[in-house]
Amino acid sequence: MPGRKTLEEHAHLMDQMADRLGVDLDEAELRGDLPPETRDAMLLSCTNCTSPEDCAHWLEGHAASDEAPAYCRNGSKIRDLRDA
């Protein structure tokens, strides 16, 4: 299990990625579109990413985007939430 600091760092990256793709994960969870256990699984998947530094750099350079970088483990899930 990843440590608290890792979880916090990746939660921040994941929230920012969702924001760049036009999704508010908190709102999606409140609406029932994103079950808490799915969000937890997304976070754990994010912690296994081999490119967190690349992700942070990508996020710095993009205020908005239609697509996440190819290496994003949650890009398709976030896009699905946006397109639902």
Protein backbone atom coordinates (compact mmCIF):
# COMPACT_ATOMS: atom_id res chain seq x y z
CA MET A 1 0.00 0.00 0.00
CA PRO A 2 1.40 3.40 -0.95
CA GLY A 3 2.23 5.82 1.84
CA ARG A 4 0.14 8.85 2.77
CA LYS A 5 2.46 11.30 0.98
CA THR A 6 2.34 9.27 -2.24
CA LEU A 7 -1.45 9.02 -2.06
CA GLU A 8 -1.77 12.77 -1.51
CA GLU A 9 0.60 13.59 -4.37
CA HIS A 10 -1.19 11.31 -6.80
CA ALA A 11 -4.64 12.45 -5.64
CA HIS A 12 -3.54 15.97 -6.51
CA LEU A 13 -2.22 14.88 -9.93
CA MET A 14 -5.38 12.90 -10.66
CA ASP A 15 -7.64 15.80 -9.66
CA GLN A 16 -5.64 18.19 -11.82
CA MET A 17 -5.76 15.81 -14.79
CA ALA A 18 -9.52 15.51 -14.43
CA ASP A 19 -9.79 19.29 -14.21
CA ARG A 20 -7.77 19.71 -17.41
CA LEU A 21 -10.14 17.29 -19.13
CA GLY A 22 -13.19 19.17 -17.86
CA VAL A 23 -14.25 16.82 -15.05
CA ASP A 24 -14.81 17.62 -11.38
CA LEU A 25 -14.25 14.28 -9.63
CA ASP A 26 -15.90 15.49 -6.42
CA GLU A 27 -19.01 16.53 -8.31
CA ALA A 28 -19.05 13.24 -10.26
CA GLU A 29 -18.88 11.34 -6.99
CA LEU A 30 -21.69 13.41 -5.43
CA ARG A 31 -23.89 12.82 -8.50
CA GLY A 32 -23.28 9.08 -8.22
CA ASP A 33 -21.43 8.87 -11.53
CA LEU A 34 -18.19 7.92 -9.76
CA PRO A 35 -18.61 5.39 -6.95
CA PRO A 36 -16.11 5.94 -4.11
CA GLU A 37 -14.58 2.50 -4.64
CA THR A 38 -13.96 3.34 -8.32
CA ARG A 39 -12.29 6.60 -7.37
CA ASP A 40 -10.14 4.72 -4.84
CA ALA A 41 -9.15 2.23 -7.54
CA MET A 42 -8.29 5.09 -9.89
CA LEU A 43 -6.05 6.61 -7.23
CA LEU A 44 -4.25 3.32 -6.62
CA SER A 45 -3.76 2.95 -10.35
CA CYS A 46 -2.32 6.47 -10.47
CA THR A 47 0.18 5.62 -7.71
CA ASN A 48 1.55 2.86 -9.96
CA CYS A 49 2.28 5.33 -12.75
CA THR A 50 5.87 5.34 -13.96
CA SER A 51 5.65 8.94 -15.19
CA PRO A 52 4.46 11.21 -12.34
CA GLU A 53 7.13 13.80 -13.16
CA ASP A 54 6.05 13.82 -16.81
CA CYS A 55 2.46 14.15 -15.66
CA ALA A 56 3.24 17.15 -13.46
CA HIS A 57 5.13 18.76 -16.34
CA TRP A 58 2.25 18.07 -18.77
CA LEU A 59 -0.24 19.56 -16.31
CA GLU A 60 1.86 22.73 -16.02
CA GLY A 61 1.71 23.18 -19.78
CA HIS A 62 -1.99 22.54 -20.30
CA ALA A 63 -4.84 24.66 -18.97
CA ALA A 64 -7.36 22.42 -20.75
CA SER A 65 -7.26 19.45 -23.08
CA ASP A 66 -9.56 17.00 -24.82
CA GLU A 67 -7.20 14.08 -24.18
CA ALA A 68 -4.91 12.97 -21.39
CA PRO A 69 -1.36 11.94 -22.26
CA ALA A 70 -1.07 8.35 -23.50
CA TYR A 71 0.67 7.22 -20.31
CA CYS A 72 -2.21 8.38 -18.06
CA ARG A 73 -3.69 5.30 -16.41
CA ASN A 74 -7.01 7.06 -15.82
CA GLY A 75 -7.34 9.10 -18.99
CA SER A 76 -10.05 6.92 -20.50
CA LYS A 77 -12.04 6.74 -17.24
CA ILE A 78 -11.91 10.51 -16.85
CA ARG A 79 -12.90 10.98 -20.48
CA ASP A 80 -15.82 8.57 -19.99
CA LEU A 81 -17.02 10.62 -17.01
CA ARG A 82 -16.82 13.78 -19.12
CA ASP A 83 -18.68 12.23 -22.04
CA ALA A 84 -21.41 10.59 -19.93
